Amino acid sequence: MRIYILNTTRFYHEDFEEYPGAWFSCPVDFEEIRERLGVQSEEEIEIEDYELPFPLEGNTRLWEINALCRMILEMQGTPLYYEMDVVQKR
Protein backbone atom coordinates (compact mmCIF):
# COMPACT_ATOMS: atom_id res chain seq x y z
CA MET A 1 0.00 0.00 0.00
CA ARG A 2 1.53 3.26 -1.05
CA ILE A 3 0.71 6.76 -2.22
CA TYR A 4 2.45 9.24 -4.50
CA ILE A 5 2.49 12.67 -2.87
CA LEU A 6 3.27 15.93 -4.65
CA ASN A 7 4.68 19.06 -3.06
CA THR A 8 2.20 21.64 -4.40
CA THR A 9 4.52 24.53 -3.53
CA ARG A 10 6.95 23.40 -6.24
CA PHE A 11 5.92 23.04 -9.83
CA TYR A 12 7.27 20.71 -12.49
CA HIS A 13 9.73 22.27 -14.88
CA GLU A 14 11.68 20.61 -17.69
CA ASP A 15 14.98 21.62 -16.07
CA PHE A 16 14.16 19.70 -12.87
CA GLU A 17 15.64 16.23 -12.63
CA GLU A 18 12.47 14.87 -11.08
CA TYR A 19 8.92 15.76 -10.20
CA PRO A 20 8.43 17.47 -6.83
CA GLY A 21 6.93 14.32 -5.32
CA ALA A 22 7.68 10.83 -4.06
CA TRP A 23 6.14 7.44 -3.28
CA PHE A 24 5.47 6.67 0.38
CA SER A 25 4.53 3.36 1.99
CA CYS A 26 1.37 3.47 4.10
CA PRO A 27 0.74 4.19 6.83
CA VAL A 28 3.05 7.17 6.45
CA ASP A 29 4.25 9.62 9.08
CA PHE A 30 3.93 13.28 8.09
CA GLU A 31 7.46 13.90 9.42
CA GLU A 32 8.78 11.63 6.67
CA ILE A 33 6.81 13.61 4.08
CA ARG A 34 8.11 16.87 5.54
CA GLU A 35 11.71 15.69 5.36
CA ARG A 36 11.56 14.22 1.86
CA LEU A 37 9.41 16.88 0.16
CA GLY A 38 10.26 19.98 2.17
CA VAL A 39 6.68 20.87 3.12
CA GLN A 40 5.44 22.35 6.37
CA SER A 41 1.76 21.40 6.41
CA GLU A 42 -0.68 18.96 4.87
CA GLU A 43 -2.17 21.82 2.86
CA GLU A 44 1.06 21.87 0.81
CA ILE A 45 0.66 18.31 -0.49
CA GLU A 46 -1.60 16.50 -2.92
CA ILE A 47 -2.02 12.78 -3.46
CA GLU A 48 -1.38 12.27 -7.15
CA ASP A 49 -1.49 8.47 -7.40
CA TYR A 50 -2.02 5.48 -5.15
CA GLU A 51 -1.76 1.72 -4.89
CA LEU A 52 -4.35 0.93 -2.24
CA PRO A 53 -7.07 -1.69 -1.86
CA PHE A 54 -9.67 1.07 -1.58
CA PRO A 55 -10.56 4.12 -3.69
CA LEU A 56 -9.66 7.67 -2.68
CA GLU A 57 -11.72 10.80 -3.06
CA GLY A 58 -9.97 13.98 -4.13
CA ASN A 59 -10.03 15.45 -0.65
CA THR A 60 -9.19 12.36 1.43
CA ARG A 61 -7.01 13.42 4.35
CA LEU A 62 -3.75 11.69 5.19
CA TRP A 63 -4.98 10.60 8.62
CA GLU A 64 -7.95 8.83 6.97
CA ILE A 65 -5.68 6.95 4.58
CA ASN A 66 -3.40 5.95 7.45
CA ALA A 67 -6.35 4.75 9.56
CA LEU A 68 -7.71 2.62 6.70
CA CYS A 69 -4.27 1.17 5.97
CA ARG A 70 -3.76 0.28 9.64
CA MET A 71 -7.15 -1.48 9.72
CA ILE A 72 -6.24 -3.47 6.62
CA LEU A 73 -2.87 -4.43 8.10
CA GLU A 74 -4.61 -5.63 11.27
CA MET A 75 -7.06 -7.72 9.21
CA GLN A 76 -4.40 -9.47 7.11
CA GLY A 77 -4.53 -13.22 7.59
CA THR A 78 -8.13 -13.21 8.82
CA PRO A 79 -11.18 -14.62 7.00
CA LEU A 80 -12.55 -11.08 6.58
CA TYR A 81 -9.39 -9.99 4.78
CA TYR A 82 -9.67 -12.99 2.45
CA GLU A 83 -13.30 -12.14 1.66
CA MET A 84 -12.42 -8.49 0.96
CA ASP A 85 -9.71 -9.63 -1.43
CA VAL A 86 -12.14 -11.93 -3.27
CA VAL A 87 -14.74 -9.14 -3.62
CA GLN A 88 -12.16 -6.65 -4.94
CA LYS A 89 -11.01 -9.05 -7.64
CA ARG A 90 -14.53 -9.31 -9.12
PDB file of N, CA and C in Angstrom:
ATOM      1  N   MET A   1       0.867  -1.165   0.000  1.00  0.00           N
ATOM      2  CA  MET A   1       0.000   0.000   0.000  1.00  0.00           C
ATOM      3  C   MET A   1       0.911   1.224   0.000  1.00  0.00           C
ATOM      4  N   ARG A   2       0.706   2.049  -0.990  1.00  0.00           N
ATOM      5  CA  ARG A   2       1.532   3.256  -1.052  1.00  0.00           C
ATOM      6  C   ARG A   2       0.810   4.363  -1.809  1.00  0.00           C
ATOM      7  N   ILE A   3       1.290   5.584  -1.589  1.00  0.00           N
ATOM      8  CA  ILE A   3       0.707   6.760  -2.224  1.00  0.00           C
ATOM      9  C   ILE A   3       1.826   7.632  -2.793  1.00  0.00           C
ATOM     10  N   TYR A   4       1.511   8.302  -3.906  1.00  0.00           N
ATOM     11  CA  TYR A   4       2.454   9.244  -4.496  1.00  0.00           C
ATOM     12  C   TYR A   4       1.993  10.641  -4.109  1.00  0.00           C
ATOM     13  N   ILE A   5       2.841  11.351  -3.392  1.00  0.00           N
ATOM     14  CA  ILE A   5       2.489  12.671  -2.870  1.00  0.00           C
ATOM     15  C   ILE A   5       3.314  13.742  -3.568  1.00  0.00           C
ATOM     16  N   LEU A   6       2.622  14.782  -4.016  1.00  0.00           N
ATOM     17  CA  LEU A   6       3.274  15.930  -4.650  1.00  0.00           C
ATOM     18  C   LEU A   6       3.399  17.080  -3.666  1.00  0.00           C
ATOM     19  N   ASN A   7       4.502  17.803  -3.767  1.00  0.00           N
ATOM     20  CA  ASN A   7       4.676  19.060  -3.056  1.00  0.00           C
ATOM     21  C   ASN A   7       4.050  20.127  -3.948  1.00  0.00           C
ATOM     22  N   THR A   8       2.914  20.674  -3.548  1.00  0.00           N
ATOM     23  CA  THR A   8       2.205  21.638  -4.397  1.00  0.00           C
ATOM     24  C   THR A   8       2.818  23.034  -4.366  1.00  0.00           C
ATOM     25  N   THR A   9       3.852  23.233  -3.543  1.00  0.00           N
ATOM     26  CA  THR A   9       4.517  24.533  -3.526  1.00  0.00           C
ATOM     27  C   THR A   9       5.626  24.601  -4.572  1.00  0.00           C
ATOM     28  N   ARG A  10       5.964  23.458  -5.167  1.00  0.00           N
ATOM     29  CA  ARG A  10       6.954  23.399  -6.244  1.00  0.00           C
ATOM     30  C   ARG A  10       6.268  22.866  -7.486  1.00  0.00           C
ATOM     31  N   PHE A  11       6.551  23.447  -8.585  1.00  0.00           N
ATOM     32  CA  PHE A  11       5.922  23.039  -9.829  1.00  0.00           C
ATOM     33  C   PHE A  11       6.922  22.319 -10.726  1.00  0.00           C
ATOM     34  N   TYR A  12       6.404  21.429 -11.556  1.00  0.00           N
ATOM     35  CA  TYR A  12       7.266  20.707 -12.493  1.00  0.00           C
ATOM     36  C   TYR A  12       7.816  21.677 -13.527  1.00  0.00           C
ATOM     37  N   HIS A  13       9.074  21.488 -13.839  1.00  0.00           N
ATOM     38  CA  HIS A  13       9.731  22.269 -14.876  1.00  0.00           C
ATOM     39  C   HIS A  13      10.676  21.330 -15.614  1.00  0.00           C
ATOM     40  N   GLU A  14      10.837  21.511 -16.901  1.00  0.00           N
ATOM     41  CA  GLU A  14      11.679  20.614 -17.695  1.00  0.00           C
ATOM     42  C   GLU A  14      13.116  20.554 -17.198  1.00  0.00           C
ATOM     43  N   ASP A  15      13.599  21.600 -16.560  1.00  0.00           N
ATOM     44  CA  ASP A  15      14.980  21.620 -16.073  1.00  0.00           C
ATOM     45  C   ASP A  15      15.157  20.820 -14.786  1.00  0.00           C
ATOM     46  N   PHE A  16      14.065  20.488 -14.102  1.00  0.00           N
ATOM     47  CA  PHE A  16      14.163  19.704 -12.872  1.00  0.00           C
ATOM     48  C   PHE A  16      14.508  18.263 -13.227  1.00  0.00           C
ATOM     49  N   GLU A  17      15.288  17.625 -12.388  1.00  0.00           N
ATOM     50  CA  GLU A  17      15.642  16.230 -12.626  1.00  0.00           C
ATOM     51  C   GLU A  17      14.483  15.297 -12.306  1.00  0.00           C
ATOM     52  N   GLU A  18      13.586  15.725 -11.472  1.00  0.00           N
ATOM     53  CA  GLU A  18      12.465  14.871 -11.083  1.00  0.00           C
ATOM     54  C   GLU A  18      11.262  15.721 -10.706  1.00  0.00           C
ATOM     55  N   TYR A  19      10.123  15.069 -10.643  1.00  0.00           N
ATOM     56  CA  TYR A  19       8.920  15.759 -10.198  1.00  0.00           C
ATOM     57  C   TYR A  19       9.052  16.083  -8.716  1.00  0.00           C
ATOM     58  N   PRO A  20       8.356  17.113  -8.252  1.00  0.00           N
ATOM     59  CA  PRO A  20       8.428  17.472  -6.835  1.00  0.00           C
ATOM     60  C   PRO A  20       7.535  16.571  -5.978  1.00  0.00           C
ATOM     61  N   GLY A  21       7.736  15.271  -6.074  1.00  0.00           N
ATOM     62  CA  GLY A  21       6.926  14.324  -5.316  1.00  0.00           C
ATOM     63  C   GLY A  21       7.677  13.031  -5.096  1.00  0.00           C
ATOM     64  N   ALA A  22       7.040  12.108  -4.356  1.00  0.00           N
ATOM     65  CA  ALA A  22       7.677  10.828  -4.061  1.00  0.00           C
ATOM     66  C   ALA A  22       6.627   9.816  -3.636  1.00  0.00           C
ATOM     67  N   TRP A  23       6.979   8.526  -3.775  1.00  0.00           N
ATOM     68  CA  TRP A  23       6.135   7.444  -3.283  1.00  0.00           C
ATOM     69  C   TRP A  23       6.423   7.224  -1.809  1.00  0.00           C
ATOM     70  N   PHE A  24       5.359   6.956  -1.047  1.00  0.00           N
ATOM     71  CA  PHE A  24       5.466   6.672   0.383  1.00  0.00           C
ATOM     72  C   PHE A  24       4.672   5.418   0.702  1.00  0.00           C
ATOM     73  N   SER A  25       5.247   4.545   1.522  1.00  0.00           N
ATOM     74  CA  SER A  25       4.527   3.360   1.994  1.00  0.00           C
ATOM     75  C   SER A  25       3.568   3.771   3.097  1.00  0.00           C
ATOM     76  N   CYS A  26       2.401   3.154   3.105  1.00  0.00           N
ATOM     77  CA  CYS A  26       1.372   3.474   4.098  1.00  0.00           C
ATOM     78  C   CYS A  26       1.339   2.426   5.201  1.00  0.00           C
ATOM     79  N   PRO A  27       0.996   2.812   6.410  1.00  0.00           N
ATOM     80  CA  PRO A  27       0.740   4.188   6.830  1.00  0.00           C
ATOM     81  C   PRO A  27       2.034   5.006   6.834  1.00  0.00           C
ATOM     82  N   VAL A  28       1.892   6.285   6.558  1.00  0.00           N
ATOM     83  CA  VAL A  28       3.049   7.170   6.447  1.00  0.00           C
ATOM     84  C   VAL A  28       2.984   8.257   7.519  1.00  0.00           C
ATOM     85  N   ASP A  29       4.142   8.566   8.075  1.00  0.00           N
ATOM     86  CA  ASP A  29       4.248   9.618   9.076  1.00  0.00           C
ATOM     87  C   ASP A  29       4.491  10.952   8.360  1.00  0.00           C
ATOM     88  N   PHE A  30       3.770  11.997   8.769  1.00  0.00           N
ATOM     89  CA  PHE A  30       3.928  13.284   8.094  1.00  0.00           C
ATOM     90  C   PHE A  30       5.359  13.813   8.211  1.00  0.00           C
ATOM     91  N   GLU A  31       6.064  13.454   9.280  1.00  0.00           N
ATOM     92  CA  GLU A  31       7.456  13.901   9.422  1.00  0.00           C
ATOM     93  C   GLU A  31       8.314  13.404   8.257  1.00  0.00           C
ATOM     94  N   GLU A  32       8.048  12.174   7.811  1.00  0.00           N
ATOM     95  CA  GLU A  32       8.784  11.634   6.670  1.00  0.00           C
ATOM     96  C   GLU A  32       8.470  12.437   5.408  1.00  0.00           C
ATOM     97  N   ILE A  33       7.209  12.787   5.234  1.00  0.00           N
ATOM     98  CA  ILE A  33       6.811  13.609   4.085  1.00  0.00           C
ATOM     99  C   ILE A  33       7.493  14.967   4.163  1.00  0.00           C
ATOM    100  N   ARG A  34       7.479  15.557   5.332  1.00  0.00           N
ATOM    101  CA  ARG A  34       8.106  16.870   5.543  1.00  0.00           C
ATOM    102  C   ARG A  34       9.588  16.833   5.168  1.00  0.00           C
ATOM    103  N   GLU A  35      10.280  15.796   5.633  1.00  0.00           N
ATOM    104  CA  GLU A  35      11.712  15.692   5.359  1.00  0.00           C
ATOM    105  C   GLU A  35      12.007  15.468   3.879  1.00  0.00           C
ATOM    106  N   ARG A  36      11.261  14.579   3.246  1.00  0.00           N
ATOM    107  CA  ARG A  36      11.559  14.220   1.857  1.00  0.00           C
ATOM    108  C   ARG A  36      11.087  15.256   0.848  1.00  0.00           C
ATOM    109  N   LEU A  37       9.971  15.933   1.133  1.00  0.00           N
ATOM    110  CA  LEU A  37       9.412  16.879   0.159  1.00  0.00           C
ATOM    111  C   LEU A  37       9.603  18.341   0.537  1.00  0.00           C
ATOM    112  N   GLY A  38      10.027  18.604   1.763  1.00  0.00           N
ATOM    113  CA  GLY A  38      10.262  19.980   2.171  1.00  0.00           C
ATOM    114  C   GLY A  38       9.001  20.795   2.379  1.00  0.00           C
ATOM    115  N   VAL A  39       7.939  20.160   2.857  1.00  0.00           N
ATOM    116  CA  VAL A  39       6.680  20.867   3.116  1.00  0.00           C
ATOM    117  C   VAL A  39       6.525  21.095   4.614  1.00  0.00           C
ATOM    118  N   GLN A  40       5.665  22.040   4.962  1.00  0.00           N
ATOM    119  CA  GLN A  40       5.441  22.353   6.366  1.00  0.00           C
ATOM    120  C   GLN A  40       4.079  21.909   6.875  1.00  0.00           C
ATOM    121  N   SER A  41       3.104  21.778   5.976  1.00  0.00           N
ATOM    122  CA  SER A  41       1.759  21.403   6.415  1.00  0.00           C
ATOM    123  C   SER A  41       1.103  20.510   5.368  1.00  0.00           C
ATOM    124  N   GLU A  42       0.035  19.850   5.779  1.00  0.00           N
ATOM    125  CA  GLU A  42      -0.676  18.956   4.873  1.00  0.00           C
ATOM    126  C   GLU A  42      -1.345  19.722   3.732  1.00  0.00           C
ATOM    127  N   GLU A  43      -1.572  21.009   3.914  1.00  0.00           N
ATOM    128  CA  GLU A  43      -2.173  21.819   2.858  1.00  0.00           C
ATOM    129  C   GLU A  43      -1.224  22.000   1.677  1.00  0.00           C
ATOM    130  N   GLU A  44       0.064  21.705   1.860  1.00  0.00           N
ATOM    131  CA  GLU A  44       1.061  21.874   0.806  1.00  0.00           C
ATOM    132  C   GLU A  44       1.298  20.604  -0.001  1.00  0.00           C
ATOM    133  N   ILE A  45       0.485  19.566   0.244  1.00  0.00           N
ATOM    134  CA  ILE A  45       0.664  18.313  -0.493  1.00  0.00           C
ATOM    135  C   ILE A  45      -0.620  17.912  -1.205  1.00  0.00           C
ATOM    136  N   GLU A  46      -0.455  17.054  -2.197  1.00  0.00           N
ATOM    137  CA  GLU A  46      -1.600  16.499  -2.922  1.00  0.00           C
ATOM    138  C   GLU A  46      -1.265  15.056  -3.279  1.00  0.00           C
ATOM    139  N   ILE A  47      -2.226  14.178  -3.099  1.00  0.00           N
ATOM    140  CA  ILE A  47      -2.024  12.783  -3.463  1.00  0.00           C
ATOM    141  C   ILE A  47      -2.321  12.652  -4.949  1.00  0.00           C
ATOM    142  N   GLU A  48      -1.290  12.325  -5.699  1.00  0.00           N
ATOM    143  CA  GLU A  48      -1.382  12.274  -7.153  1.00  0.00           C
ATOM    144  C   GLU A  48      -1.719  10.877  -7.670  1.00  0.00           C
ATOM    145  N   ASP A  49      -1.254   9.848  -6.963  1.00  0.00           N
ATOM    146  CA  ASP A  49      -1.486   8.471  -7.396  1.00  0.00           C
ATOM    147  C   ASP A  49      -1.482   7.586  -6.160  1.00  0.00           C
ATOM    148  N   TYR A  50      -2.011   6.393  -6.298  1.00  0.00           N
ATOM    149  CA  TYR A  50      -2.018   5.480  -5.154  1.00  0.00           C
ATOM    150  C   TYR A  50      -2.136   4.039  -5.592  1.00  0.00           C
ATOM    151  N   GLU A  51      -1.630   3.166  -4.744  1.00  0.00           N
ATOM    152  CA  GLU A  51      -1.759   1.719  -4.895  1.00  0.00           C
ATOM    153  C   GLU A  51      -2.325   1.211  -3.579  1.00  0.00           C
ATOM    154  N   LEU A  52      -3.638   1.279  -3.464  1.00  0.00           N
ATOM    155  CA  LEU A  52      -4.347   0.925  -2.236  1.00  0.00           C
ATOM    156  C   LEU A  52      -5.504  -0.003  -2.571  1.00  0.00           C
ATOM    157  N   PRO A  53      -5.935  -0.805  -1.606  1.00  0.00           N
ATOM    158  CA  PRO A  53      -7.072  -1.695  -1.856  1.00  0.00           C
ATOM    159  C   PRO A  53      -8.423  -1.011  -1.675  1.00  0.00           C
ATOM    160  N   PHE A  54      -8.431   0.309  -1.702  1.00  0.00           N
ATOM    161  CA  PHE A  54      -9.670   1.075  -1.580  1.00  0.00           C
ATOM    162  C   PHE A  54      -9.526   2.353  -2.400  1.00  0.00           C
ATOM    163  N   PRO A  55     -10.636   2.890  -2.890  1.00  0.00           N
ATOM    164  CA  PRO A  55     -10.565   4.122  -3.688  1.00  0.00           C
ATOM    165  C   PRO A  55     -10.375   5.352  -2.800  1.00  0.00           C
ATOM    166  N   LEU A  56      -9.826   6.397  -3.387  1.00  0.00           N
ATOM    167  CA  LEU A  56      -9.662   7.669  -2.680  1.00  0.00           C
ATOM    168  C   LEU A  56     -10.497   8.738  -3.356  1.00  0.00           C
ATOM    169  N   GLU A  57     -11.057   9.608  -2.552  1.00  0.00           N
ATOM    170  CA  GLU A  57     -11.722  10.804  -3.061  1.00  0.00           C
ATOM    171  C   GLU A  57     -10.655  11.889  -3.192  1.00  0.00           C
ATOM    172  N   GLY A  58     -10.933  12.917  -3.925  1.00  0.00           N
ATOM    173  CA  GLY A  58      -9.967  13.981  -4.133  1.00  0.00           C
ATOM    174  C   GLY A  58      -9.523  14.701  -2.878  1.00  0.00           C
ATOM    175  N   ASN A  59     -10.359  14.706  -1.869  1.00  0.00           N
ATOM    176  CA  ASN A  59     -10.033  15.452  -0.651  1.00  0.00           C
ATOM    177  C   ASN A  59      -9.787  14.540   0.552  1.00  0.00           C
ATOM    178  N   THR A  60      -9.439  13.276   0.324  1.00  0.00           N
ATOM    179  CA  THR A  60      -9.188  12.360   1.432  1.00  0.00           C
ATOM    180  C   THR A  60      -7.960  12.819   2.198  1.00  0.00           C
ATOM    181  N   ARG A  61      -8.104  12.948   3.498  1.00  0.00           N
ATOM    182  CA  ARG A  61      -7.012  13.420   4.351  1.00  0.00           C
ATOM    183  C   ARG A  61      -6.024  12.288   4.636  1.00  0.00           C
ATOM    184  N   LEU A  62      -4.801  12.659   4.925  1.00  0.00           N
ATOM    185  CA  LEU A  62      -3.750  11.691   5.189  1.00  0.00           C
ATOM    186  C   LEU A  62      -4.079  10.814   6.396  1.00  0.00           C
ATOM    187  N   TRP A  63      -4.669  11.396   7.427  1.00  0.00           N
ATOM    188  CA  TRP A  63      -4.982  10.598   8.621  1.00  0.00           C
ATOM    189  C   TRP A  63      -6.021   9.526   8.297  1.00  0.00           C
ATOM    190  N   GLU A  64      -6.943   9.821   7.367  1.00  0.00           N
ATOM    191  CA  GLU A  64      -7.949   8.826   6.971  1.00  0.00           C
ATOM    192  C   GLU A  64      -7.297   7.668   6.218  1.00  0.00           C
ATOM    193  N   ILE A  65      -6.387   7.991   5.324  1.00  0.00           N
ATOM    194  CA  ILE A  65      -5.676   6.954   4.579  1.00  0.00           C
ATOM    195  C   ILE A  65      -4.889   6.075   5.542  1.00  0.00           C
ATOM    196  N   ASN A  66      -4.178   6.708   6.476  1.00  0.00           N
ATOM    197  CA  ASN A  66      -3.400   5.952   7.454  1.00  0.00           C
ATOM    198  C   ASN A  66      -4.287   5.051   8.304  1.00  0.00           C
ATOM    199  N   ALA A  67      -5.435   5.550   8.729  1.00  0.00           N
ATOM    200  CA  ALA A  67      -6.347   4.749   9.559  1.00  0.00           C
ATOM    201  C   ALA A  67      -6.852   3.537   8.783  1.00  0.00           C
ATOM    202  N   LEU A  68      -7.240   3.734   7.530  1.00  0.00           N
ATOM    203  CA  LEU A  68      -7.713   2.621   6.703  1.00  0.00           C
ATOM    204  C   LEU A  68      -6.602   1.604   6.454  1.00  0.00           C
ATOM    205  N   CYS A  69      -5.400   2.081   6.195  1.00  0.00           N
ATOM    206  CA  CYS A  69      -4.274   1.169   5.970  1.00  0.00           C
ATOM    207  C   CYS A  69      -3.956   0.366   7.227  1.00  0.00           C
ATOM    208  N   ARG A  70      -4.010   1.013   8.385  1.00  0.00           N
ATOM    209  CA  ARG A  70      -3.764   0.284   9.638  1.00  0.00           C
ATOM    210  C   ARG A  70      -4.819  -0.794   9.860  1.00  0.00           C
ATOM    211  N   MET A  71      -6.082  -0.479   9.564  1.00  0.00           N
ATOM    212  CA  MET A  71      -7.146  -1.478   9.717  1.00  0.00           C
ATOM    213  C   MET A  71      -6.900  -2.664   8.792  1.00  0.00           C
ATOM    214  N   ILE A  72      -6.501  -2.392   7.570  1.00  0.00           N
ATOM    215  CA  ILE A  72      -6.238  -3.471   6.620  1.00  0.00           C
ATOM    216  C   ILE A  72      -5.063  -4.320   7.091  1.00  0.00           C
ATOM    217  N   LEU A  73      -4.013  -3.681   7.594  1.00  0.00           N
ATOM    218  CA  LEU A  73      -2.867  -4.431   8.101  1.00  0.00           C
ATOM    219  C   LEU A  73      -3.266  -5.329   9.269  1.00  0.00           C
ATOM    220  N   GLU A  74      -4.148  -4.828  10.136  1.00  0.00           N
ATOM    221  CA  GLU A  74      -4.615  -5.627  11.271  1.00  0.00           C
ATOM    222  C   GLU A  74      -5.468  -6.807  10.820  1.00  0.00           C
ATOM    223  N   MET A  75      -6.178  -6.660   9.700  1.00  0.00           N
ATOM    224  CA  MET A  75      -7.063  -7.722   9.211  1.00  0.00           C
ATOM    225  C   MET A  75      -6.331  -8.787   8.400  1.00  0.00           C
ATOM    226  N   GLN A  76      -5.117  -8.503   7.951  1.00  0.00           N
ATOM    227  CA  GLN A  76      -4.405  -9.468   7.113  1.00  0.00           C
ATOM    228  C   GLN A  76      -4.324 -10.820   7.813  1.00  0.00           C
ATOM    229  N   GLY A  77      -4.575 -11.870   7.046  1.00  0.00           N
ATOM    230  CA  GLY A  77      -4.527 -13.218   7.589  1.00  0.00           C
ATOM    231  C   GLY A  77      -5.825 -13.687   8.213  1.00  0.00           C
ATOM    232  N   THR A  78      -6.839 -12.827   8.243  1.00  0.00           N
ATOM    233  CA  THR A  78      -8.130 -13.205   8.818  1.00  0.00           C
ATOM    234  C   THR A  78      -9.104 -13.570   7.698  1.00  0.00           C
ATOM    235  N   PRO A  79     -10.178 -14.299   8.028  1.00  0.00           N
ATOM    236  CA  PRO A  79     -11.179 -14.621   7.004  1.00  0.00           C
ATOM    237  C   PRO A  79     -11.794 -13.375   6.355  1.00  0.00           C
ATOM    238  N   LEU A  80     -11.985 -12.313   7.136  1.00  0.00           N
ATOM    239  CA  LEU A  80     -12.548 -11.079   6.581  1.00  0.00           C
ATOM    240  C   LEU A  80     -11.632 -10.491   5.508  1.00  0.00           C
ATOM    241  N   TYR A  81     -10.352 -10.505   5.758  1.00  0.00           N
ATOM    242  CA  TYR A  81      -9.392  -9.989   4.781  1.00  0.00           C
ATOM    243  C   TYR A  81      -9.469 -10.803   3.489  1.00  0.00           C
ATOM    244  N   TYR A  82      -9.557 -12.123   3.628  1.00  0.00           N
ATOM    245  CA  TYR A  82      -9.665 -12.989   2.454  1.00  0.00           C
ATOM    246  C   TYR A  82     -10.927 -12.651   1.660  1.00  0.00           C
ATOM    247  N   GLU A  83     -12.046 -12.462   2.340  1.00  0.00           N
ATOM    248  CA  GLU A  83     -13.305 -12.141   1.656  1.00  0.00           C
ATOM    249  C   GLU A  83     -13.225 -10.792   0.947  1.00  0.00           C
ATOM    250  N   MET A  84     -12.601  -9.807   1.595  1.00  0.00           N
ATOM    251  CA  MET A  84     -12.422  -8.492   0.962  1.00  0.00           C
ATOM    252  C   MET A  84     -11.613  -8.630  -0.320  1.00  0.00           C
ATOM    253  N   ASP A  85     -10.567  -9.433  -0.273  1.00  0.00           N
ATOM    254  CA  ASP A  85      -9.711  -9.635  -1.431  1.00  0.00           C
ATOM    255  C   ASP A  85     -10.490 -10.279  -2.574  1.00  0.00           C
ATOM    256  N   VAL A  86     -11.329 -11.250  -2.257  1.00  0.00           N
ATOM    257  CA  VAL A  86     -12.144 -11.925  -3.271  1.00  0.00           C
ATOM    258  C   VAL A  86     -13.121 -10.947  -3.914  1.00  0.00           C
ATOM    259  N   VAL A  87     -13.768 -10.114  -3.112  1.00  0.00           N
ATOM    260  CA  VAL A  87     -14.736  -9.139  -3.620  1.00  0.00           C
ATOM    261  C   VAL A  87     -14.047  -8.121  -4.526  1.00  0.00           C
ATOM    262  N   GLN A  88     -12.871  -7.652  -4.137  1.00  0.00           N
ATOM    263  CA  GLN A  88     -12.159  -6.655  -4.937  1.00  0.00           C
ATOM    264  C   GLN A  88     -11.742  -7.191  -6.296  1.00  0.00           C
ATOM    265  N   LYS A  89     -11.475  -8.477  -6.382  1.00  0.00           N
ATOM    266  CA  LYS A  89     -11.009  -9.054  -7.644  1.00  0.00           C
ATOM    267  C   LYS A  89     -12.139  -9.306  -8.628  1.00  0.00           C
ATOM    268  N   ARG A  90     -13.379  -9.113  -8.220  1.00  0.00           N
ATOM    269  CA  ARG A  90     -14.529  -9.310  -9.120  1.00  0.00           C
ATOM    270  C   ARG A  90     -14.682  -8.161 -10.072  1.00  0.00           C
TER     271      ARG A  90
END
